[in-house]
mmCIF file of all heavy atoms, coordinates in Angstrom:
data_MODEL
# 
_entry.id   MODEL 
# 
loop_
_atom_site.group_PDB 
_atom_site.id 
_atom_site.type_symbol 
_atom_site.label_atom_id 
_atom_site.label_alt_id 
_atom_site.label_comp_id 
_atom_site.label_asym_id 
_atom_site.label_entity_id 
_atom_site.label_seq_id 
_atom_site.pdbx_PDB_ins_code 
_atom_site.Cartn_x 
_atom_site.Cartn_y 
_atom_site.Cartn_z 
_atom_site.occupancy 
_atom_site.B_iso_or_equiv 
_atom_site.pdbx_formal_charge 
_atom_site.auth_seq_id 
_atom_site.auth_comp_id 
_atom_site.auth_asym_id 
_atom_site.auth_atom_id 
_atom_site.pdbx_PDB_model_num 
ATOM 1   N N   . GLY A 1 1  ? 47.781 7.342  -44.242 1.00 0.00 ? 1  GLY A N   1 
ATOM 2   C CA  . GLY A 1 1  ? 47.989 6.011  -44.812 1.00 0.00 ? 1  GLY A CA  1 
ATOM 3   C C   . GLY A 1 1  ? 49.229 5.861  -45.664 1.00 0.00 ? 1  GLY A C   1 
ATOM 4   O O   . GLY A 1 1  ? 50.012 4.936  -45.486 1.00 0.00 ? 1  GLY A O   1 
ATOM 5   N N   . ALA A 1 2  ? 49.430 6.777  -46.609 1.00 0.00 ? 2  ALA A N   1 
ATOM 6   C CA  . ALA A 1 2  ? 50.593 6.680  -47.497 1.00 0.00 ? 2  ALA A CA  1 
ATOM 7   C C   . ALA A 1 2  ? 51.903 6.900  -46.754 1.00 0.00 ? 2  ALA A C   1 
ATOM 8   O O   . ALA A 1 2  ? 52.958 6.468  -47.204 1.00 0.00 ? 2  ALA A O   1 
ATOM 9   C CB  . ALA A 1 2  ? 50.458 7.692  -48.636 1.00 0.00 ? 2  ALA A CB  1 
ATOM 10  N N   . SER A 1 3  ? 51.856 7.549  -45.606 1.00 0.00 ? 3  SER A N   1 
ATOM 11  C CA  . SER A 1 3  ? 53.063 7.852  -44.839 1.00 0.00 ? 3  SER A CA  1 
ATOM 12  C C   . SER A 1 3  ? 53.531 6.702  -43.962 1.00 0.00 ? 3  SER A C   1 
ATOM 13  O O   . SER A 1 3  ? 54.655 6.702  -43.480 1.00 0.00 ? 3  SER A O   1 
ATOM 14  C CB  . SER A 1 3  ? 52.816 9.065  -43.939 1.00 0.00 ? 3  SER A CB  1 
ATOM 15  O OG  . SER A 1 3  ? 52.551 10.198 -44.708 1.00 0.00 ? 3  SER A OG  1 
ATOM 16  N N   . GLU A 1 4  ? 52.678 5.719  -43.743 1.00 0.00 ? 4  GLU A N   1 
ATOM 17  C CA  . GLU A 1 4  ? 53.040 4.609  -42.851 1.00 0.00 ? 4  GLU A CA  1 
ATOM 18  C C   . GLU A 1 4  ? 54.275 3.873  -43.341 1.00 0.00 ? 4  GLU A C   1 
ATOM 19  O O   . GLU A 1 4  ? 55.126 3.490  -42.545 1.00 0.00 ? 4  GLU A O   1 
ATOM 20  C CB  . GLU A 1 4  ? 51.863 3.654  -42.694 1.00 0.00 ? 4  GLU A CB  1 
ATOM 21  C CG  . GLU A 1 4  ? 50.767 4.209  -41.820 1.00 0.00 ? 4  GLU A CG  1 
ATOM 22  C CD  . GLU A 1 4  ? 49.646 3.219  -41.600 1.00 0.00 ? 4  GLU A CD  1 
ATOM 23  O OE1 . GLU A 1 4  ? 49.888 1.996  -41.667 1.00 0.00 ? 4  GLU A OE1 1 
ATOM 24  O OE2 . GLU A 1 4  ? 48.523 3.683  -41.369 1.00 0.00 ? 4  GLU A OE2 1 
ATOM 25  N N   . LYS A 1 5  ? 54.388 3.690  -44.646 1.00 0.00 ? 5  LYS A N   1 
ATOM 26  C CA  . LYS A 1 5  ? 55.561 3.004  -45.204 1.00 0.00 ? 5  LYS A CA  1 
ATOM 27  C C   . LYS A 1 5  ? 56.838 3.789  -44.877 1.00 0.00 ? 5  LYS A C   1 
ATOM 28  O O   . LYS A 1 5  ? 57.847 3.215  -44.491 1.00 0.00 ? 5  LYS A O   1 
ATOM 29  C CB  . LYS A 1 5  ? 55.406 2.830  -46.711 1.00 0.00 ? 5  LYS A CB  1 
ATOM 30  C CG  . LYS A 1 5  ? 56.534 2.069  -47.350 1.00 0.00 ? 5  LYS A CG  1 
ATOM 31  C CD  . LYS A 1 5  ? 56.294 1.871  -48.832 1.00 0.00 ? 5  LYS A CD  1 
ATOM 32  C CE  . LYS A 1 5  ? 57.445 1.124  -49.452 1.00 0.00 ? 5  LYS A CE  1 
ATOM 33  N NZ  . LYS A 1 5  ? 57.283 0.961  -50.900 1.00 0.00 ? 5  LYS A NZ  1 
ATOM 34  N N   . GLN A 1 6  ? 56.778 5.106  -45.040 1.00 0.00 ? 6  GLN A N   1 
ATOM 35  C CA  . GLN A 1 6  ? 57.936 5.952  -44.724 1.00 0.00 ? 6  GLN A CA  1 
ATOM 36  C C   . GLN A 1 6  ? 58.274 5.859  -43.241 1.00 0.00 ? 6  GLN A C   1 
ATOM 37  O O   . GLN A 1 6  ? 59.426 5.713  -42.862 1.00 0.00 ? 6  GLN A O   1 
ATOM 38  C CB  . GLN A 1 6  ? 57.643 7.410  -45.082 1.00 0.00 ? 6  GLN A CB  1 
ATOM 39  C CG  . GLN A 1 6  ? 57.396 7.660  -46.540 1.00 0.00 ? 6  GLN A CG  1 
ATOM 40  C CD  . GLN A 1 6  ? 58.633 7.470  -47.386 1.00 0.00 ? 6  GLN A CD  1 
ATOM 41  O OE1 . GLN A 1 6  ? 59.730 7.834  -47.000 1.00 0.00 ? 6  GLN A OE1 1 
ATOM 42  N NE2 . GLN A 1 6  ? 58.461 6.884  -48.545 1.00 0.00 ? 6  GLN A NE2 1 
ATOM 43  N N   . LEU A 1 7  ? 57.234 5.954  -42.408 1.00 0.00 ? 7  LEU A N   1 
ATOM 44  C CA  . LEU A 1 7  ? 57.447 5.945  -40.966 1.00 0.00 ? 7  LEU A CA  1 
ATOM 45  C C   . LEU A 1 7  ? 57.973 4.602  -40.480 1.00 0.00 ? 7  LEU A C   1 
ATOM 46  O O   . LEU A 1 7  ? 58.765 4.535  -39.552 1.00 0.00 ? 7  LEU A O   1 
ATOM 47  C CB  . LEU A 1 7  ? 56.159 6.300  -40.235 1.00 0.00 ? 7  LEU A CB  1 
ATOM 48  C CG  . LEU A 1 7  ? 56.294 6.441  -38.723 1.00 0.00 ? 7  LEU A CG  1 
ATOM 49  C CD1 . LEU A 1 7  ? 57.277 7.556  -38.373 1.00 0.00 ? 7  LEU A CD1 1 
ATOM 50  C CD2 . LEU A 1 7  ? 54.950 6.711  -38.091 1.00 0.00 ? 7  LEU A CD2 1 
ATOM 51  N N   . ASN A 1 8  ? 57.554 3.511  -41.112 1.00 0.00 ? 8  ASN A N   1 
ATOM 52  C CA  . ASN A 1 8  ? 58.005 2.183  -40.693 1.00 0.00 ? 8  ASN A CA  1 
ATOM 53  C C   . ASN A 1 8  ? 59.506 1.985  -40.880 1.00 0.00 ? 8  ASN A C   1 
ATOM 54  O O   . ASN A 1 8  ? 60.108 1.134  -40.223 1.00 0.00 ? 8  ASN A O   1 
ATOM 55  C CB  . ASN A 1 8  ? 57.234 1.095  -41.441 1.00 0.00 ? 8  ASN A CB  1 
ATOM 56  C CG  . ASN A 1 8  ? 55.797 0.988  -40.983 1.00 0.00 ? 8  ASN A CG  1 
ATOM 57  O OD1 . ASN A 1 8  ? 55.447 1.389  -39.879 1.00 0.00 ? 8  ASN A OD1 1 
ATOM 58  N ND2 . ASN A 1 8  ? 54.947 0.464  -41.849 1.00 0.00 ? 8  ASN A ND2 1 
ATOM 59  N N   . LEU A 1 9  ? 60.125 2.754  -41.735 1.00 0.00 ? 9  LEU A N   1 
ATOM 60  C CA  . LEU A 1 9  ? 61.565 2.643  -41.964 1.00 0.00 ? 9  LEU A CA  1 
ATOM 61  C C   . LEU A 1 9  ? 62.387 3.357  -40.894 1.00 0.00 ? 9  LEU A C   1 
ATOM 62  O O   . LEU A 1 9  ? 63.522 2.989  -40.622 1.00 0.00 ? 9  LEU A O   1 
ATOM 63  C CB  . LEU A 1 9  ? 61.916 3.207  -43.345 1.00 0.00 ? 9  LEU A CB  1 
ATOM 64  C CG  . LEU A 1 9  ? 61.290 2.487  -44.535 1.00 0.00 ? 9  LEU A CG  1 
ATOM 65  C CD1 . LEU A 1 9  ? 61.515 3.281  -45.809 1.00 0.00 ? 9  LEU A CD1 1 
ATOM 66  C CD2 . LEU A 1 9  ? 61.850 1.079  -44.663 1.00 0.00 ? 9  LEU A CD2 1 
ATOM 67  N N   . VAL A 1 10 ? 61.807 4.384  -40.290 1.00 0.00 ? 10 VAL A N   1 
ATOM 68  C CA  . VAL A 1 10 ? 62.547 5.243  -39.356 1.00 0.00 ? 10 VAL A CA  1 
ATOM 69  C C   . VAL A 1 10 ? 63.064 4.502  -38.118 1.00 0.00 ? 10 VAL A C   1 
ATOM 70  O O   . VAL A 1 10 ? 64.248 4.626  -37.781 1.00 0.00 ? 10 VAL A O   1 
ATOM 71  C CB  . VAL A 1 10 ? 61.708 6.481  -38.970 1.00 0.00 ? 10 VAL A CB  1 
ATOM 72  C CG1 . VAL A 1 10 ? 62.382 7.289  -37.875 1.00 0.00 ? 10 VAL A CG1 1 
ATOM 73  C CG2 . VAL A 1 10 ? 61.461 7.343  -40.203 1.00 0.00 ? 10 VAL A CG2 1 
ATOM 74  N N   . PRO A 1 11 ? 62.230 3.717  -37.418 1.00 0.00 ? 11 PRO A N   1 
ATOM 75  C CA  . PRO A 1 11 ? 62.741 3.052  -36.198 1.00 0.00 ? 11 PRO A CA  1 
ATOM 76  C C   . PRO A 1 11 ? 63.927 2.120  -36.468 1.00 0.00 ? 11 PRO A C   1 
ATOM 77  O O   . PRO A 1 11 ? 64.868 2.087  -35.680 1.00 0.00 ? 11 PRO A O   1 
ATOM 78  C CB  . PRO A 1 11 ? 61.536 2.254  -35.695 1.00 0.00 ? 11 PRO A CB  1 
ATOM 79  C CG  . PRO A 1 11 ? 60.356 2.930  -36.275 1.00 0.00 ? 11 PRO A CG  1 
ATOM 80  C CD  . PRO A 1 11 ? 60.808 3.476  -37.595 1.00 0.00 ? 11 PRO A CD  1 
ATOM 81  N N   . GLY A 1 12 ? 63.903 1.416  -37.576 1.00 0.00 ? 12 GLY A N   1 
ATOM 82  C CA  . GLY A 1 12 ? 65.025 0.537  -37.911 1.00 0.00 ? 12 GLY A CA  1 
ATOM 83  C C   . GLY A 1 12 ? 66.298 1.308  -38.180 1.00 0.00 ? 12 GLY A C   1 
ATOM 84  O O   . GLY A 1 12 ? 67.390 0.899  -37.778 1.00 0.00 ? 12 GLY A O   1 
ATOM 85  N N   . LEU A 1 13 ? 66.155 2.433  -38.859 1.00 0.00 ? 13 LEU A N   1 
ATOM 86  C CA  . LEU A 1 13 ? 67.330 3.252  -39.163 1.00 0.00 ? 13 LEU A CA  1 
ATOM 87  C C   . LEU A 1 13 ? 67.917 3.883  -37.910 1.00 0.00 ? 13 LEU A C   1 
ATOM 88  O O   . LEU A 1 13 ? 69.133 3.995  -37.774 1.00 0.00 ? 13 LEU A O   1 
ATOM 89  C CB  . LEU A 1 13 ? 66.962 4.345  -40.175 1.00 0.00 ? 13 LEU A CB  1 
ATOM 90  C CG  . LEU A 1 13 ? 66.642 3.847  -41.582 1.00 0.00 ? 13 LEU A CG  1 
ATOM 91  C CD1 . LEU A 1 13 ? 65.973 4.943  -42.395 1.00 0.00 ? 13 LEU A CD1 1 
ATOM 92  C CD2 . LEU A 1 13 ? 67.900 3.362  -42.277 1.00 0.00 ? 13 LEU A CD2 1 
ATOM 93  N N   . LEU A 1 14 ? 67.048 4.309  -36.990 1.00 0.00 ? 14 LEU A N   1 
ATOM 94  C CA  . LEU A 1 14 ? 67.520 4.950  -35.763 1.00 0.00 ? 14 LEU A CA  1 
ATOM 95  C C   . LEU A 1 14 ? 67.702 3.969  -34.610 1.00 0.00 ? 14 LEU A C   1 
ATOM 96  O O   . LEU A 1 14 ? 68.145 4.354  -33.524 1.00 0.00 ? 14 LEU A O   1 
ATOM 97  C CB  . LEU A 1 14 ? 66.532 6.048  -35.336 1.00 0.00 ? 14 LEU A CB  1 
ATOM 98  C CG  . LEU A 1 14 ? 66.372 7.216  -36.297 1.00 0.00 ? 14 LEU A CG  1 
ATOM 99  C CD1 . LEU A 1 14 ? 65.338 8.202  -35.772 1.00 0.00 ? 14 LEU A CD1 1 
ATOM 100 C CD2 . LEU A 1 14 ? 67.703 7.913  -36.538 1.00 0.00 ? 14 LEU A CD2 1 
ATOM 101 N N   . GLU A 1 15 ? 67.337 2.718  -34.851 1.00 0.00 ? 15 GLU A N   1 
ATOM 102 C CA  . GLU A 1 15 ? 67.452 1.651  -33.857 1.00 0.00 ? 15 GLU A CA  1 
ATOM 103 C C   . GLU A 1 15 ? 66.691 1.994  -32.581 1.00 0.00 ? 15 GLU A C   1 
ATOM 104 O O   . GLU A 1 15 ? 67.221 1.931  -31.472 1.00 0.00 ? 15 GLU A O   1 
ATOM 105 C CB  . GLU A 1 15 ? 68.919 1.333  -33.577 1.00 0.00 ? 15 GLU A CB  1 
ATOM 106 C CG  . GLU A 1 15 ? 69.655 0.846  -34.822 1.00 0.00 ? 15 GLU A CG  1 
ATOM 107 C CD  . GLU A 1 15 ? 71.122 0.571  -34.599 1.00 0.00 ? 15 GLU A CD  1 
ATOM 108 O OE1 . GLU A 1 15 ? 71.566 0.493  -33.436 1.00 0.00 ? 15 GLU A OE1 1 
ATOM 109 O OE2 . GLU A 1 15 ? 71.839 0.426  -35.612 1.00 0.00 ? 15 GLU A OE2 1 
ATOM 110 N N   . VAL A 1 16 ? 65.418 2.393  -32.767 1.00 0.00 ? 16 VAL A N   1 
ATOM 111 C CA  . VAL A 1 16 ? 64.526 2.702  -31.651 1.00 0.00 ? 16 VAL A CA  1 
ATOM 112 C C   . VAL A 1 16 ? 63.223 1.934  -31.825 1.00 0.00 ? 16 VAL A C   1 
ATOM 113 O O   . VAL A 1 16 ? 62.931 1.405  -32.899 1.00 0.00 ? 16 VAL A O   1 
ATOM 114 C CB  . VAL A 1 16 ? 64.239 4.220  -31.541 1.00 0.00 ? 16 VAL A CB  1 
ATOM 115 C CG1 . VAL A 1 16 ? 65.507 4.997  -31.242 1.00 0.00 ? 16 VAL A CG1 1 
ATOM 116 C CG2 . VAL A 1 16 ? 63.578 4.752  -32.796 1.00 0.00 ? 16 VAL A CG2 1 
ATOM 117 N N   . ASP A 1 17 ? 62.410 1.910  -30.782 1.00 0.00 ? 17 ASP A N   1 
ATOM 118 C CA  . ASP A 1 17 ? 61.134 1.214  -30.802 1.00 0.00 ? 17 ASP A CA  1 
ATOM 119 C C   . ASP A 1 17 ? 60.139 1.952  -31.706 1.00 0.00 ? 17 ASP A C   1 
ATOM 120 O O   . ASP A 1 17 ? 59.994 3.174  -31.603 1.00 0.00 ? 17 ASP A O   1 
ATOM 121 C CB  . ASP A 1 17 ? 60.590 1.128  -29.368 1.00 0.00 ? 17 ASP A CB  1 
ATOM 122 C CG  . ASP A 1 17 ? 59.247 0.434  -29.307 1.00 0.00 ? 17 ASP A CG  1 
ATOM 123 O OD1 . ASP A 1 17 ? 59.191 -0.759 -29.653 1.00 0.00 ? 17 ASP A OD1 1 
ATOM 124 O OD2 . ASP A 1 17 ? 58.263 1.105  -28.932 1.00 0.00 ? 17 ASP A OD2 1 
ATOM 125 N N   . SER A 1 18 ? 59.441 1.221  -32.561 1.00 0.00 ? 18 SER A N   1 
ATOM 126 C CA  . SER A 1 18 ? 58.516 1.846  -33.507 1.00 0.00 ? 18 SER A CA  1 
ATOM 127 C C   . SER A 1 18 ? 57.341 2.517  -32.803 1.00 0.00 ? 18 SER A C   1 
ATOM 128 O O   . SER A 1 18 ? 56.886 3.583  -33.225 1.00 0.00 ? 18 SER A O   1 
ATOM 129 C CB  . SER A 1 18 ? 58.012 0.842  -34.531 1.00 0.00 ? 18 SER A CB  1 
ATOM 130 O OG  . SER A 1 18 ? 57.334 -0.223 -33.892 1.00 0.00 ? 18 SER A OG  1 
ATOM 131 N N   . ASN A 1 19 ? 56.838 1.920  -31.725 1.00 0.00 ? 19 ASN A N   1 
ATOM 132 C CA  . ASN A 1 19 ? 55.746 2.547  -30.978 1.00 0.00 ? 19 ASN A CA  1 
ATOM 133 C C   . ASN A 1 19 ? 56.183 3.863  -30.350 1.00 0.00 ? 19 ASN A C   1 
ATOM 134 O O   . ASN A 1 19 ? 55.401 4.811  -30.274 1.00 0.00 ? 19 ASN A O   1 
ATOM 135 C CB  . ASN A 1 19 ? 55.209 1.604  -29.895 1.00 0.00 ? 19 ASN A CB  1 
ATOM 136 C CG  . ASN A 1 19 ? 54.501 0.415  -30.493 1.00 0.00 ? 19 ASN A CG  1 
ATOM 137 O OD1 . ASN A 1 19 ? 53.913 0.497  -31.563 1.00 0.00 ? 19 ASN A OD1 1 
ATOM 138 N ND2 . ASN A 1 19 ? 54.563 -0.707 -29.809 1.00 0.00 ? 19 ASN A ND2 1 
ATOM 139 N N   . ALA A 1 20 ? 57.422 3.927  -29.912 1.00 0.00 ? 20 ALA A N   1 
ATOM 140 C CA  . ALA A 1 20 ? 57.945 5.158  -29.313 1.00 0.00 ? 20 ALA A CA  1 
ATOM 141 C C   . ALA A 1 20 ? 58.004 6.281  -30.341 1.00 0.00 ? 20 ALA A C   1 
ATOM 142 O O   . ALA A 1 20 ? 57.733 7.445  -30.017 1.00 0.00 ? 20 ALA A O   1 
ATOM 143 C CB  . ALA A 1 20 ? 59.327 4.912  -28.712 1.00 0.00 ? 20 ALA A CB  1 
ATOM 144 N N   . VAL A 1 21 ? 58.331 5.951  -31.582 1.00 0.00 ? 21 VAL A N   1 
ATOM 145 C CA  . VAL A 1 21 ? 58.390 6.970  -32.635 1.00 0.00 ? 21 VAL A CA  1 
ATOM 146 C C   . VAL A 1 21 ? 56.990 7.510  -32.910 1.00 0.00 ? 21 VAL A C   1 
ATOM 147 O O   . VAL A 1 21 ? 56.786 8.729  -32.985 1.00 0.00 ? 21 VAL A O   1 
ATOM 148 C CB  . VAL A 1 21 ? 59.024 6.406  -33.927 1.00 0.00 ? 21 VAL A CB  1 
ATOM 149 C CG1 . VAL A 1 21 ? 58.922 7.411  -35.065 1.00 0.00 ? 21 VAL A CG1 1 
ATOM 150 C CG2 . VAL A 1 21 ? 60.474 6.022  -33.698 1.00 0.00 ? 21 VAL A CG2 1 
ATOM 151 N N   . VAL A 1 22 ? 56.012 6.619  -33.043 1.00 0.00 ? 22 VAL A N   1 
ATOM 152 C CA  . VAL A 1 22 ? 54.635 7.058  -33.296 1.00 0.00 ? 22 VAL A CA  1 
ATOM 153 C C   . VAL A 1 22 ? 54.131 7.905  -32.140 1.00 0.00 ? 22 VAL A C   1 
ATOM 154 O O   . VAL A 1 22 ? 53.531 8.968  -32.340 1.00 0.00 ? 22 VAL A O   1 
ATOM 155 C CB  . VAL A 1 22 ? 53.708 5.846  -33.543 1.00 0.00 ? 22 VAL A CB  1 
ATOM 156 C CG1 . VAL A 1 22 ? 52.250 6.285  -33.611 1.00 0.00 ? 22 VAL A CG1 1 
ATOM 157 C CG2 . VAL A 1 22 ? 54.106 5.126  -34.819 1.00 0.00 ? 22 VAL A CG2 1 
ATOM 158 N N   . THR A 1 23 ? 54.386 7.462  -30.918 1.00 0.00 ? 23 THR A N   1 
ATOM 159 C CA  . THR A 1 23 ? 53.957 8.221  -29.736 1.00 0.00 ? 23 THR A CA  1 
ATOM 160 C C   . THR A 1 23 ? 54.626 9.584  -29.699 1.00 0.00 ? 23 THR A C   1 
ATOM 161 O O   . THR A 1 23 ? 53.977 10.604 -29.416 1.00 0.00 ? 23 THR A O   1 
ATOM 162 C CB  . THR A 1 23 ? 54.265 7.439  -28.450 1.00 0.00 ? 23 THR A CB  1 
ATOM 163 O OG1 . THR A 1 23 ? 53.567 6.194  -28.496 1.00 0.00 ? 23 THR A OG1 1 
ATOM 164 C CG2 . THR A 1 23 ? 53.842 8.203  -27.219 1.00 0.00 ? 23 THR A CG2 1 
ATOM 165 N N   . ALA A 1 24 ? 55.914 9.642  -29.990 1.00 0.00 ? 24 ALA A N   1 
ATOM 166 C CA  . ALA A 1 24 ? 56.635 10.916 -29.973 1.00 0.00 ? 24 ALA A CA  1 
ATOM 167 C C   . ALA A 1 24 ? 56.091 11.887 -31.018 1.00 0.00 ? 24 ALA A C   1 
ATOM 168 O O   . ALA A 1 24 ? 56.088 13.094 -30.797 1.00 0.00 ? 24 ALA A O   1 
ATOM 169 C CB  . ALA A 1 24 ? 58.121 10.680 -30.213 1.00 0.00 ? 24 ALA A CB  1 
ATOM 170 N N   . LEU A 1 25 ? 55.597 11.360 -32.120 1.00 0.00 ? 25 LEU A N   1 
ATOM 171 C CA  . LEU A 1 25 ? 55.081 12.222 -33.181 1.00 0.00 ? 25 LEU A CA  1 
ATOM 172 C C   . LEU A 1 25 ? 53.634 12.651 -32.959 1.00 0.00 ? 25 LEU A C   1 
ATOM 173 O O   . LEU A 1 25 ? 53.204 13.662 -33.493 1.00 0.00 ? 25 LEU A O   1 
ATOM 174 C CB  . LEU A 1 25 ? 55.196 11.508 -34.533 1.00 0.00 ? 25 LEU A CB  1 
ATOM 175 C CG  . LEU A 1 25 ? 56.607 11.306 -35.058 1.00 0.00 ? 25 LEU A CG  1 
ATOM 176 C CD1 . LEU A 1 25 ? 56.592 10.426 -36.297 1.00 0.00 ? 25 LEU A CD1 1 
ATOM 177 C CD2 . LEU A 1 25 ? 57.281 12.630 -35.345 1.00 0.00 ? 25 LEU A CD2 1 
ATOM 178 N N   . THR A 1 26 ? 52.865 11.882 -32.186 1.00 0.00 ? 26 THR A N   1 
ATOM 179 C CA  . THR A 1 26 ? 51.429 12.158 -32.071 1.00 0.00 ? 26 THR A CA  1 
ATOM 180 C C   . THR A 1 26 ? 50.982 12.607 -30.680 1.00 0.00 ? 26 THR A C   1 
ATOM 181 O O   . THR A 1 26 ? 49.853 13.049 -30.524 1.00 0.00 ? 26 THR A O   1 
ATOM 182 C CB  . THR A 1 26 ? 50.606 10.923 -32.473 1.00 0.00 ? 26 THR A CB  1 
ATOM 183 O OG1 . THR A 1 26 ? 50.952 9.823  -31.618 1.00 0.00 ? 26 THR A OG1 1 
ATOM 184 C CG2 . THR A 1 26 ? 50.850 10.555 -33.930 1.00 0.00 ? 26 THR A CG2 1 
ATOM 185 N N   . GLU A 1 27 ? 51.850 12.470 -29.674 1.00 0.00 ? 27 GLU A N   1 
ATOM 186 C CA  . GLU A 1 27 ? 51.453 12.821 -28.312 1.00 0.00 ? 27 GLU A CA  1 
ATOM 187 C C   . GLU A 1 27 ? 52.559 13.602 -27.616 1.00 0.00 ? 27 GLU A C   1 
ATOM 188 O O   . GLU A 1 27 ? 53.700 13.614 -28.061 1.00 0.00 ? 27 GLU A O   1 
ATOM 189 C CB  . GLU A 1 27 ? 51.173 11.548 -27.494 1.00 0.00 ? 27 GLU A CB  1 
ATOM 190 C CG  . GLU A 1 27 ? 50.066 10.693 -28.039 1.00 0.00 ? 27 GLU A CG  1 
ATOM 191 C CD  . GLU A 1 27 ? 49.880 9.399  -27.264 1.00 0.00 ? 27 GLU A CD  1 
ATOM 192 O OE1 . GLU A 1 27 ? 50.506 9.225  -26.202 1.00 0.00 ? 27 GLU A OE1 1 
ATOM 193 O OE2 . GLU A 1 27 ? 49.104 8.557  -27.729 1.00 0.00 ? 27 GLU A OE2 1 
ATOM 194 N N   . ARG A 1 28 ? 52.186 14.223 -26.503 1.00 0.00 ? 28 ARG A N   1 
ATOM 195 C CA  . ARG A 1 28 ? 53.177 14.892 -25.668 1.00 0.00 ? 28 ARG A CA  1 
ATOM 196 C C   . ARG A 1 28 ? 52.894 14.546 -24.212 1.00 0.00 ? 28 ARG A C   1 
ATOM 197 O O   . ARG A 1 28 ? 51.771 14.189 -23.853 1.00 0.00 ? 28 ARG A O   1 
ATOM 198 C CB  . ARG A 1 28 ? 53.156 16.391 -25.889 1.00 0.00 ? 28 ARG A CB  1 
ATOM 199 C CG  . ARG A 1 28 ? 51.884 17.067 -25.434 1.00 0.00 ? 28 ARG A CG  1 
ATOM 200 C CD  . ARG A 1 28 ? 51.963 18.573 -25.670 1.00 0.00 ? 28 ARG A CD  1 
ATOM 201 N NE  . ARG A 1 28 ? 50.761 19.220 -25.215 1.00 0.00 ? 28 ARG A NE  1 
ATOM 202 C CZ  . ARG A 1 28 ? 49.828 19.721 -25.994 1.00 0.00 ? 28 ARG A CZ  1 
ATOM 203 N NH1 . ARG A 1 28 ? 49.975 19.645 -27.297 1.00 0.00 ? 28 ARG A NH1 1 
ATOM 204 N NH2 . ARG A 1 28 ? 48.755 20.287 -25.494 1.00 0.00 ? 28 ARG A NH2 1 
# 
């Protein structure tokens, strides 16, 4: 829960899709 705020910033900084970042971190 506390990490969601941190993670929400990453896609904007890297200019990638936010769902893709979550998927890349949680699935293979």
